[in-house]
C-alpha atoms as a PDB file:
ATOM      1  CA  MET A   1     -14.286  27.687  66.988  1.00  0.00           C
ATOM      2  CA  ALA A   2     -13.486  31.019  68.264  1.00  0.00           C
ATOM      3  CA  ASP A   3     -15.427  32.321  71.357  1.00  0.00           C
ATOM      4  CA  GLN A   4     -17.851  34.563  70.438  1.00  0.00           C
ATOM      5  CA  PRO A   5     -17.379  38.227  72.281  1.00  0.00           C
ATOM      6  CA  PRO A   6     -20.030  38.574  75.012  1.00  0.00           C
ATOM      7  CA  GLY A   7     -22.798  40.967  73.735  1.00  0.00           C
ATOM      8  CA  GLY A   8     -21.189  41.453  70.152  1.00  0.00           C
ATOM      9  CA  PRO A   9     -21.275  39.667  66.685  1.00  0.00           C
ATOM     10  CA  ARG A  10     -19.868  36.560  65.605  1.00  0.00           C
ATOM     11  CA  ALA A  11     -15.824  38.168  65.377  1.00  0.00           C
ATOM     12  CA  GLY A  12     -15.325  34.754  63.023  1.00  0.00           C
ATOM     13  CA  ALA A  13     -14.372  31.215  63.037  1.00  0.00           C
ATOM     14  CA  ILE A  14     -11.580  28.871  62.594  1.00  0.00           C
ATOM     15  CA  TYR A  15     -11.791  25.075  61.329  1.00  0.00           C
ATOM     16  CA  ASP A  16      -9.189  22.684  61.464  1.00  0.00           C
ATOM     17  CA  LEU A  17      -9.640  20.731  58.255  1.00  0.00           C
ATOM     18  CA  GLY A  18      -6.807  18.420  59.284  1.00  0.00           C
ATOM     19  CA  TYR A  19      -4.129  19.110  56.114  1.00  0.00           C
ATOM     20  CA  ARG A  20      -1.276  16.767  56.042  1.00  0.00           C
ATOM     21  CA  PRO A  21       1.622  17.280  53.957  1.00  0.00           C
ATOM     22  CA  TYR A  22       2.006  13.597  51.707  1.00  0.00           C
ATOM     23  CA  ASP A  23       4.448  11.621  52.884  1.00  0.00           C
ATOM     24  CA  GLY A  24       3.904   8.784  50.746  1.00  0.00           C
ATOM     25  CA  GLN A  25       5.839   6.662  47.720  1.00  0.00           C
ATOM     26  CA  ARG A  26       6.766   9.375  44.812  1.00  0.00           C
ATOM     27  CA  LEU A  27       6.842   7.183  41.900  1.00  0.00           C
ATOM     28  CA  GLY A  28       8.955   9.782  39.578  1.00  0.00           C
ATOM     29  CA  GLN A  29       9.512  10.463  35.920  1.00  0.00           C
ATOM     30  CA  GLY A  30       9.343   6.960  35.288  1.00  0.00           C
ATOM     31  CA  ALA A  31       5.840   6.674  36.702  1.00  0.00           C
ATOM     32  CA  ILE A  32       4.487   9.494  34.778  1.00  0.00           C
ATOM     33  CA  ALA A  33       5.906   9.113  31.327  1.00  0.00           C
ATOM     34  CA  TRP A  34       4.433   5.387  31.573  1.00  0.00           C
ATOM     35  CA  SER A  35       1.375   6.889  32.213  1.00  0.00           C
ATOM     36  CA  LEU A  36       1.581   8.975  29.706  1.00  0.00           C
ATOM     37  CA  PHE A  37       2.438   6.216  26.939  1.00  0.00           C
ATOM     38  CA  LEU A  38      -0.497   4.280  28.554  1.00  0.00           C
ATOM     39  CA  SER A  39      -2.839   6.975  28.364  1.00  0.00           C
ATOM     40  CA  GLY A  40      -1.919   8.018  25.046  1.00  0.00           C
ATOM     41  CA  PHE A  41      -1.921   4.328  23.816  1.00  0.00           C
ATOM     42  CA  LEU A  42      -5.463   3.785  25.035  1.00  0.00           C
ATOM     43  CA  ASN A  43      -6.694   7.664  23.568  1.00  0.00           C
ATOM     44  CA  ALA A  44      -5.165   6.478  19.954  1.00  0.00           C
ATOM     45  CA  PHE A  45      -8.245   3.918  19.873  1.00  0.00           C
ATOM     46  CA  GLY A  46     -10.890   5.758  21.812  1.00  0.00           C
ATOM     47  CA  LEU A  47     -10.297   4.243  25.117  1.00  0.00           C
ATOM     48  CA  GLY A  48     -11.463   6.698  28.010  1.00  0.00           C
ATOM     49  CA  ARG A  49     -13.051   8.941  25.601  1.00  0.00           C
ATOM     50  CA  SER A  50     -16.482   9.892  24.092  1.00  0.00           C
ATOM     51  CA  GLY A  51     -17.886   6.726  22.706  1.00  0.00           C
ATOM     52  CA  ARG A  52     -17.992   8.785  18.943  1.00  0.00           C
ATOM     53  CA  SER A  53     -14.011   8.729  19.588  1.00  0.00           C
ATOM     54  CA  LYS A  54     -13.739   5.061  19.317  1.00  0.00           C
ATOM     55  CA  VAL A  55     -15.839   4.286  15.842  1.00  0.00           C
ATOM     56  CA  LEU A  56     -12.981   5.299  13.363  1.00  0.00           C
ATOM     57  CA  PRO A  57     -10.103   3.478  14.628  1.00  0.00           C
ATOM     58  CA  PHE A  58     -11.789   0.258  15.123  1.00  0.00           C
ATOM     59  CA  LEU A  59     -13.550   0.810  12.489  1.00  0.00           C
ATOM     60  CA  LEU A  60     -10.146   1.060  10.396  1.00  0.00           C
ATOM     61  CA  LEU A  61      -8.545  -1.500  12.752  1.00  0.00           C
ATOM     62  CA  ALA A  62     -11.919  -3.981  11.555  1.00  0.00           C
ATOM     63  CA  ILE A  63     -11.228  -3.192   8.082  1.00  0.00           C
ATOM     64  CA  ASN A  64      -7.946  -4.224   7.830  1.00  0.00           C
ATOM     65  CA  VAL A  65      -8.167  -7.015   9.856  1.00  0.00           C
ATOM     66  CA  VAL A  66     -11.326  -8.555   8.533  1.00  0.00           C
ATOM     67  CA  PRO A  67      -9.605 -10.051   4.700  1.00  0.00           C
ATOM     68  CA  ALA A  68      -6.835 -11.422   6.629  1.00  0.00           C
ATOM     69  CA  VAL A  69      -9.432 -13.236   8.753  1.00  0.00           C
ATOM     70  CA  VAL A  70     -11.347 -14.638   5.721  1.00  0.00           C
ATOM     71  CA  MET A  71      -8.343 -15.485   4.124  1.00  0.00           C
ATOM     72  CA  VAL A  72      -7.421 -17.526   6.978  1.00  0.00           C
ATOM     73  CA  GLY A  73     -11.409 -19.224   6.645  1.00  0.00           C
ATOM     74  CA  ALA A  74     -10.975 -19.370   3.386  1.00  0.00           C
ATOM     75  CA  MET A  75      -7.987 -21.408   4.006  1.00  0.00           C
ATOM     76  CA  THR A  76      -9.178 -23.967   6.466  1.00  0.00           C
ATOM     77  CA  LEU A  77     -12.296 -24.500   4.422  1.00  0.00           C
ATOM     78  CA  PHE A  78     -11.191 -24.809   1.101  1.00  0.00           C
ATOM     79  CA  GLY A  79      -7.864 -26.376   2.020  1.00  0.00           C
ATOM     80  CA  ILE A  80      -5.636 -23.786   0.285  1.00  0.00           C
ATOM     81  CA  ASP A  81      -2.079 -24.412   0.317  1.00  0.00           C
ATOM     82  CA  GLU A  82      -0.593 -21.146   0.064  1.00  0.00           C
ATOM     83  CA  LEU A  83      -1.843 -17.956   1.600  1.00  0.00           C
ATOM     84  CA  PRO A  84      -3.613 -15.552  -0.957  1.00  0.00           C
ATOM     85  CA  LEU A  85      -1.720 -12.887   0.305  1.00  0.00           C
ATOM     86  CA  ALA A  86       2.099 -12.836   1.673  1.00  0.00           C
ATOM     87  CA  TYR A  87       2.632 -11.634   5.309  1.00  0.00           C
ATOM     88  CA  ALA A  88       4.897  -8.584   3.934  1.00  0.00           C
ATOM     89  CA  ARG A  89       2.524  -7.851   0.589  1.00  0.00           C
ATOM     90  CA  TYR A  90      -0.587  -7.087   3.292  1.00  0.00           C
ATOM     91  CA  ALA A  91       0.502  -3.710   4.768  1.00  0.00           C
ATOM     92  CA  SER A  92       1.196  -2.329   1.095  1.00  0.00           C
ATOM     93  CA  ALA A  93      -2.053  -3.582   0.122  1.00  0.00           C
ATOM     94  CA  PHE A  94      -3.997  -1.693   2.978  1.00  0.00           C
ATOM     95  CA  GLN A  95      -2.292   1.443   2.659  1.00  0.00           C
ATOM     96  CA  VAL A  96      -4.543   3.737   2.318  1.00  0.00           C
ATOM     97  CA  PHE A  97      -6.363   2.326   5.628  1.00  0.00           C
ATOM     98  CA  LEU A  98      -3.128   2.391   7.616  1.00  0.00           C
ATOM     99  CA  SER A  99      -2.325   6.131   6.597  1.00  0.00           C
ATOM    100  CA  ILE A 100      -5.869   7.449   7.891  1.00  0.00           C
ATOM    101  CA  PHE A 101      -5.574   5.909  11.055  1.00  0.00           C
ATOM    102  CA  VAL A 102      -2.225   7.130  11.347  1.00  0.00           C
ATOM    103  CA  ALA A 103      -2.746  10.815  10.297  1.00  0.00           C
ATOM    104  CA  ALA A 104      -6.189  10.813  12.339  1.00  0.00           C
ATOM    105  CA  GLN A 105      -4.669   9.419  15.563  1.00  0.00           C
ATOM    106  CA  ALA A 106      -1.417  11.139  15.456  1.00  0.00           C
ATOM    107  CA  PRO A 107      -3.284  15.164  16.218  1.00  0.00           C
ATOM    108  CA  VAL A 108      -5.171  13.111  19.426  1.00  0.00           C
ATOM    109  CA  LEU A 109      -1.977  12.692  21.087  1.00  0.00           C
ATOM    110  CA  PHE A 110       0.125  15.701  19.827  1.00  0.00           C
ATOM    111  CA  SER A 111      -2.464  18.626  18.630  1.00  0.00           C
ATOM    112  CA  ARG A 112      -5.179  18.054  21.408  1.00  0.00           C
ATOM    113  CA  ASP A 113      -2.518  19.250  24.322  1.00  0.00           C
ATOM    114  CA  LEU A 114      -1.732  22.140  21.781  1.00  0.00           C
ATOM    115  CA  ARG A 115      -4.955  23.493  21.200  1.00  0.00           C
ATOM    116  CA  HIS A 116      -6.386  23.444  24.789  1.00  0.00           C
ATOM    117  CA  GLY A 117      -2.892  24.749  26.214  1.00  0.00           C
ATOM    118  CA  THR A 118      -2.919  21.342  28.318  1.00  0.00           C
ATOM    119  CA  ILE A 119       1.006  21.150  27.252  1.00  0.00           C
ATOM    120  CA  ALA A 120       2.137  23.780  29.463  1.00  0.00           C
ATOM    121  CA  LEU A 121       0.485  21.532  32.980  1.00  0.00           C
ATOM    122  CA  TYR A 122       2.614  18.576  31.170  1.00  0.00           C
ATOM    123  CA  LEU A 123       5.721  20.382  30.896  1.00  0.00           C
ATOM    124  CA  ALA A 124       5.311  21.749  34.201  1.00  0.00           C
ATOM    125  CA  ARG A 125       5.592  18.659  36.130  1.00  0.00           C
ATOM    126  CA  PRO A 126       9.134  17.286  37.124  1.00  0.00           C
ATOM    127  CA  LEU A 127       9.477  15.627  33.580  1.00  0.00           C
ATOM    128  CA  PRO A 128      11.407  16.305  30.771  1.00  0.00           C
ATOM    129  CA  SER A 129       9.771  17.875  27.407  1.00  0.00           C
ATOM    130  CA  ALA A 130      11.904  15.628  25.510  1.00  0.00           C
ATOM    131  CA  ALA A 131      10.594  12.439  27.600  1.00  0.00           C
ATOM    132  CA  TYR A 132       7.174  13.602  26.950  1.00  0.00           C
ATOM    133  CA  ALA A 133       7.810  14.038  23.302  1.00  0.00           C
ATOM    134  CA  VAL A 134       8.956  10.099  23.304  1.00  0.00           C
ATOM    135  CA  ALA A 135       6.035   9.108  25.306  1.00  0.00           C
ATOM    136  CA  ARG A 136       3.416  10.358  23.322  1.00  0.00           C
ATOM    137  CA  TRP A 137       5.922   9.156  20.033  1.00  0.00           C
ATOM    138  CA  ALA A 138       5.682   5.313  21.908  1.00  0.00           C
ATOM    139  CA  SER A 139       1.837   5.339  21.924  1.00  0.00           C
ATOM    140  CA  LEU A 140       1.230   5.884  18.443  1.00  0.00           C
ATOM    141  CA  LEU A 141       4.554   3.739  17.561  1.00  0.00           C
ATOM    142  CA  ALA A 142       2.619   1.139  19.577  1.00  0.00           C
ATOM    143  CA  ALA A 143      -0.742   1.579  18.194  1.00  0.00           C
ATOM    144  CA  THR A 144       0.437   1.460  14.933  1.00  0.00           C
ATOM    145  CA  LEU A 145       1.901  -1.889  15.637  1.00  0.00           C
ATOM    146  CA  VAL A 146      -1.215  -3.239  16.879  1.00  0.00           C
ATOM    147  CA  PHE A 147      -2.936  -2.097  13.460  1.00  0.00           C
ATOM    148  CA  LEU A 148       0.385  -3.723  11.369  1.00  0.00           C
ATOM    149  CA  VAL A 149       0.818  -6.688  13.431  1.00  0.00           C
ATOM    150  CA  ALA A 150      -2.705  -7.943  13.939  1.00  0.00           C
ATOM    151  CA  PRO A 151      -3.155  -9.292  10.353  1.00  0.00           C
ATOM    152  CA  ILE A 152       0.231 -10.716  10.317  1.00  0.00           C
ATOM    153  CA  VAL A 153      -0.563 -12.660  13.223  1.00  0.00           C
ATOM    154  CA  ALA A 154      -3.619 -13.931  11.829  1.00  0.00           C
ATOM    155  CA  LEU A 155      -2.331 -15.095   8.509  1.00  0.00           C
ATOM    156  CA  TYR A 156       0.094 -16.756  10.355  1.00  0.00           C
ATOM    157  CA  VAL A 157      -2.178 -18.478  12.911  1.00  0.00           C
ATOM    158  CA  GLY A 158      -4.430 -19.349   9.682  1.00  0.00           C
ATOM    159  CA  ALA A 159      -1.160 -20.948   8.446  1.00  0.00           C
ATOM    160  CA  VAL A 160      -0.172 -23.003  11.295  1.00  0.00           C
ATOM    161  CA  LEU A 161      -4.115 -24.632  11.365  1.00  0.00           C
ATOM    162  CA  ALA A 162      -3.761 -25.194   7.727  1.00  0.00           C
ATOM    163  CA  GLU A 163      -0.834 -27.174   8.215  1.00  0.00           C
ATOM    164  CA  LEU A 164       1.517 -25.303   6.005  1.00  0.00           C
ATOM    165  CA  ASP A 165       4.796 -25.539   6.328  1.00  0.00           C
ATOM    166  CA  PHE A 166       5.555 -24.323  10.083  1.00  0.00           C
ATOM    167  CA  SER A 167       9.051 -23.551   9.534  1.00  0.00           C
ATOM    168  CA  GLU A 168       8.818 -21.444   6.314  1.00  0.00           C
ATOM    169  CA  GLN A 169       5.729 -19.590   7.620  1.00  0.00           C
ATOM    170  CA  THR A 170       7.603 -18.721  10.886  1.00  0.00           C
ATOM    171  CA  SER A 171      10.550 -17.237   8.850  1.00  0.00           C
ATOM    172  CA  GLU A 172       8.173 -15.206   6.485  1.00  0.00           C
ATOM    173  CA  ALA A 173       6.358 -13.973   9.099  1.00  0.00           C
ATOM    174  CA  ALA A 174       9.242 -12.616  11.265  1.00  0.00           C
ATOM    175  CA  GLU A 175      10.409 -11.244   7.936  1.00  0.00           C
ATOM    176  CA  ALA A 176       7.123  -9.338   7.895  1.00  0.00           C
ATOM    177  CA  LEU A 177       7.524  -8.507  11.358  1.00  0.00           C
ATOM    178  CA  LEU A 178      10.605  -6.953  11.253  1.00  0.00           C
ATOM    179  CA  LEU A 179       9.966  -4.770   8.101  1.00  0.00           C
ATOM    180  CA  ALA A 180       6.423  -3.941   9.891  1.00  0.00           C
ATOM    181  CA  VAL A 181       8.419  -2.148  12.730  1.00  0.00           C
ATOM    182  CA  LEU A 182      10.419  -0.408   9.870  1.00  0.00           C
ATOM    183  CA  LEU A 183       6.967   0.673   8.633  1.00  0.00           C
ATOM    184  CA  ALA A 184       5.552   1.829  11.635  1.00  0.00           C
ATOM    185  CA  LEU A 185       8.814   3.568  12.757  1.00  0.00           C
ATOM    186  CA  MET A 186       8.379   6.124  10.032  1.00  0.00           C
ATOM    187  CA  LEU A 187       4.787   6.754   9.625  1.00  0.00           C
ATOM    188  CA  THR A 188       4.951   7.218  13.361  1.00  0.00           C
ATOM    189  CA  GLY A 189       7.649   9.688  13.185  1.00  0.00           C
ATOM    190  CA  ILE A 190       5.904  11.915  10.040  1.00  0.00           C
ATOM    191  CA  GLY A 191       2.674  11.622  11.595  1.00  0.00           C
ATOM    192  CA  GLY A 192       4.105  12.732  15.053  1.00  0.00           C
ATOM    193  CA  LEU A 193       5.964  15.254  13.657  1.00  0.00           C
ATOM    194  CA  ILE A 194       3.127  16.694  11.455  1.00  0.00           C
ATOM    195  CA  ALA A 195       0.607  16.642  14.274  1.00  0.00           C
ATOM    196  CA  SER A 196       3.142  18.281  16.710  1.00  0.00           C
ATOM    197  CA  ILE A 197       3.519  21.104  14.827  1.00  0.00           C
ATOM    198  CA  SER A 198      -0.088  21.870  13.957  1.00  0.00           C
ATOM    199  CA  VAL A 199      -2.679  22.959  16.832  1.00  0.00           C
ATOM    200  CA  ARG A 200      -5.487  22.211  14.230  1.00  0.00           C
ATOM    201  CA  ARG A 201      -6.518  18.617  13.616  1.00  0.00           C
ATOM    202  CA  GLY A 202      -8.191  18.999  10.469  1.00  0.00           C
ATOM    203  CA  PHE A 203      -5.115  20.710   8.970  1.00  0.00           C
ATOM    204  CA  ALA A 204      -2.235  17.859  10.178  1.00  0.00           C
ATOM    205  CA  VAL A 205      -4.958  15.240   9.091  1.00  0.00           C
ATOM    206  CA  VAL A 206      -4.606  16.307   5.436  1.00  0.00           C
ATOM    207  CA  ALA A 207      -0.867  17.562   5.571  1.00  0.00           C
ATOM    208  CA  THR A 208      -0.344  13.913   6.781  1.00  0.00           C
ATOM    209  CA  ILE A 209      -2.316  12.087   4.326  1.00  0.00           C
ATOM    210  CA  ALA A 210      -0.602  14.326   1.359  1.00  0.00           C
ATOM    211  CA  VAL A 211       2.811  13.564   2.869  1.00  0.00           C
ATOM    212  CA  LEU A 212       1.886   9.352   2.861  1.00  0.00           C
ATOM    213  CA  LEU A 213      -0.258   8.718  -0.162  1.00  0.00           C
ATOM    214  CA  LEU A 214      -0.010  11.624  -2.560  1.00  0.00           C
ATOM    215  CA  GLY A 215       3.749  11.183  -1.900  1.00  0.00           C
ATOM    216  CA  ASN A 216       3.391   7.366  -2.416  1.00  0.00           C
ATOM    217  CA  GLY A 217       1.407   7.978  -5.514  1.00  0.00           C
ATOM    218  CA  VAL A 218       4.205  10.572  -7.235  1.00  0.00           C
ATOM    219  CA  VAL A 219       6.764   7.945  -6.455  1.00  0.00           C
ATOM    220  CA  THR A 220       5.038   5.233  -8.078  1.00  0.00           C
ATOM    221  CA  ALA A 221       4.341   6.965 -10.985  1.00  0.00           C
ATOM    222  CA  ILE A 222       8.138   8.263 -11.601  1.00  0.00           C
ATOM    223  CA  GLN A 223       8.745   4.524 -11.151  1.00  0.00           C
ATOM    224  CA  GLY A 224       5.988   3.660 -13.814  1.00  0.00           C
ATOM    225  CA  ILE A 225       7.285   6.024 -16.129  1.00  0.00           C
ATOM    226  CA  SER A 226      10.919   4.689 -15.600  1.00  0.00           C
ATOM    227  CA  ASP A 227      10.269   1.371 -15.608  1.00  0.00           C
ATOM    228  CA  GLU A 228       8.823   1.993 -19.187  1.00  0.00           C
ATOM    229  CA  GLN A 229      11.591   3.534 -20.511  1.00  0.00           C
ATOM    230  CA  ASP A 230      14.318   1.660 -19.159  1.00  0.00           C
ATOM    231  CA  ARG A 231      15.682   3.928 -16.260  1.00  0.00           C
ATOM    232  CA  THR A 232      15.405   1.311 -13.567  1.00  0.00           C
ATOM    233  CA  ARG A 233      18.107   3.244 -11.541  1.00  0.00           C
ATOM    234  CA  VAL A 234      15.918   6.130 -11.976  1.00  0.00           C
ATOM    235  CA  GLY A 235      13.057   4.748 -10.249  1.00  0.00           C
ATOM    236  CA  GLU A 236      15.185   3.048  -7.493  1.00  0.00           C
ATOM    237  CA  VAL A 237      16.428   6.664  -6.533  1.00  0.00           C
ATOM    238  CA  ALA A 238      12.792   8.042  -6.486  1.00  0.00           C
ATOM    239  CA  GLY A 239      11.595   4.989  -4.144  1.00  0.00           C
ATOM    240  CA  LEU A 240      13.912   6.467  -1.418  1.00  0.00           C
ATOM    241  CA  PHE A 241      11.589   9.840  -0.535  1.00  0.00           C
ATOM    242  CA  SER A 242       8.419   7.867   0.307  1.00  0.00           C
ATOM    243  CA  PRO A 243       7.894   5.427   3.320  1.00  0.00           C
ATOM    244  CA  TYR A 244       5.786   3.083   1.068  1.00  0.00           C
ATOM    245  CA  SER A 245       8.132   2.882  -1.528  1.00  0.00           C
ATOM    246  CA  LEU A 246      11.188   2.502   0.900  1.00  0.00           C
ATOM    247  CA  TYR A 247       8.819  -0.338   2.418  1.00  0.00           C
ATOM    248  CA  ARG A 248       7.900  -1.863  -0.798  1.00  0.00           C
ATOM    249  CA  GLY A 249      11.735  -1.760  -1.940  1.00  0.00           C
ATOM    250  CA  ALA A 250      12.827  -3.029   1.499  1.00  0.00           C
ATOM    251  CA  THR A 251      10.238  -5.684   1.179  1.00  0.00           C
ATOM    252  CA  SER A 252      11.354  -6.811  -2.185  1.00  0.00           C
ATOM    253  CA  ALA A 253      15.185  -7.287  -0.975  1.00  0.00           C
ATOM    254  CA  LEU A 254      14.571  -8.820   2.302  1.00  0.00           C
ATOM    255  CA  THR A 255      11.828 -11.834   0.773  1.00  0.00           C
ATOM    256  CA  ASP A 256      10.542 -13.288  -2.496  1.00  0.00           C
ATOM    257  CA  GLU A 257       7.933 -10.864  -3.149  1.00  0.00           C
ATOM    258  CA  GLN A 258       8.502  -8.227  -5.585  1.00  0.00           C
ATOM    259  CA  PHE A 259       7.514  -4.527  -6.086  1.00  0.00           C
ATOM    260  CA  LEU A 260       7.610  -2.229  -9.181  1.00  0.00           C
ATOM    261  CA  THR A 261      11.453  -1.049  -9.658  1.00  0.00           C
ATOM    262  CA  PRO A 262      13.024  -3.422  -6.573  1.00  0.00           C
ATOM    263  CA  PRO A 263      16.274  -1.887  -5.290  1.00  0.00           C
ATOM    264  CA  THR A 264      19.098  -3.418  -7.015  1.00  0.00           C
ATOM    265  CA  GLY A 265      22.909  -4.352  -6.026  1.00  0.00           C
ATOM    266  CA  GLY A 266      24.233  -4.156  -2.528  1.00  0.00           C
ATOM    267  CA  ALA A 267      24.791  -0.585  -2.162  1.00  0.00           C
ATOM    268  CA  MET A 268      21.388   0.553  -3.338  1.00  0.00           C
ATOM    269  CA  THR A 269      19.384  -2.177  -1.254  1.00  0.00           C
ATOM    270  CA  ALA A 270      21.534  -0.771   1.907  1.00  0.00           C
ATOM    271  CA  ALA A 271      20.430   2.758   0.887  1.00  0.00           C
ATOM    272  CA  TYR A 272      16.771   1.920   1.348  1.00  0.00           C
ATOM    273  CA  PHE A 273      17.192   0.528   4.936  1.00  0.00           C
ATOM    274  CA  VAL A 274      19.946   3.659   5.727  1.00  0.00           C
ATOM    275  CA  VAL A 275      17.120   5.620   4.733  1.00  0.00           C
ATOM    276  CA  MET A 276      14.134   3.964   6.525  1.00  0.00           C
ATOM    277  CA  VAL A 277      16.012   4.042  10.025  1.00  0.00           C
ATOM    278  CA  ALA A 278      17.633   7.503   9.279  1.00  0.00           C
ATOM    279  CA  LEU A 279      14.231   8.910   8.320  1.00  0.00           C
ATOM    280  CA  ALA A 280      12.459   7.461  11.539  1.00  0.00           C
ATOM    281  CA  LEU A 281      15.131   8.714  13.412  1.00  0.00           C
ATOM    282  CA  ALA A 282      15.131  12.449  11.812  1.00  0.00           C
ATOM    283  CA  CYS A 283      11.583  12.887  12.643  1.00  0.00           C
ATOM    284  CA  LEU A 284      12.194  11.671  16.583  1.00  0.00           C
ATOM    285  CA  GLY A 285      14.801  13.791  16.891  1.00  0.00           C
ATOM    286  CA  ALA A 286      12.919  17.343  15.134  1.00  0.00           C
ATOM    287  CA  LEU A 287       9.932  16.014  17.558  1.00  0.00           C
ATOM    288  CA  VAL A 288      12.043  16.308  20.559  1.00  0.00           C
ATOM    289  CA  VAL A 289      13.554  19.753  19.724  1.00  0.00           C
ATOM    290  CA  ARG A 290       9.789  20.878  18.874  1.00  0.00           C
ATOM    291  CA  TYR A 291       8.888  20.048  22.722  1.00  0.00           C
ATOM    292  CA  ARG A 292      12.049  21.344  24.236  1.00  0.00           C
ATOM    293  CA  ARG A 293      11.357  24.676  22.537  1.00  0.00           C
ATOM    294  CA  LEU A 294       7.822  24.535  23.800  1.00  0.00           C
ATOM    295  CA  ALA A 295       9.280  23.957  27.189  1.00  0.00           C
ATOM    296  CA  GLY A 296      11.337  26.847  26.668  1.00  0.00           C
ATOM    297  CA  ARG A 297       8.871  29.708  26.267  1.00  0.00           C
END
């Protein structure tokens, strides 16, 4: 503390607070990206947020998984010798809940940062804007995979406990997991891109549901009409314009499960898989471009 002048008021005080520069380990961009991914994955299920934020994701997850658990119990209790619902067909049967989950949680990871302006803080860090976009996208992808894979695992465990053919069940479960990854990539890309454009969560939710469910409804109607009119090629081409119809077509091509207007011929079957991958990559690319433009402002 400075000495007080004789006979006069205090001129001021100087304190040594002991501030020192940080000389510890700096983890770098990889640690920042991992932290963004992990926090985003937890936030997708409401973890680390308010109790109300946990209700919808866990409710949807329960609605999606409980039927598989009930099937497992029925198989074990009554000695059923086959799965009531095939692994690969499960996602299609519960696509409404899957769509709501993606539509509701994508804005949590993308729209919220834009709405509150915190995106500027993230992009001010030594982390490229593309890395931020990919980390958030990976968070939503991981959460969507949990939603898709959990019932497949439950059914597989039930099939093993019921002593169904192990090799057959393993092969079918593996095919379902591959298809689940492709579906998750498409849904994550679409949901993330829409949420990154809108700062209003409500608009992002409605737009995502419209693209996923209404788009699928239109494609399904076209396929039904084309099947009745014996214009199967029209239905096959229409199936290329919706993630769920692409999933059904790929499932029909890869497994024994058959859906409405499955792709026929090697070229059309390959087109379904190519479009699935291209759609996922295109959405991810557009997401990266979107955040690069935000960082450049």
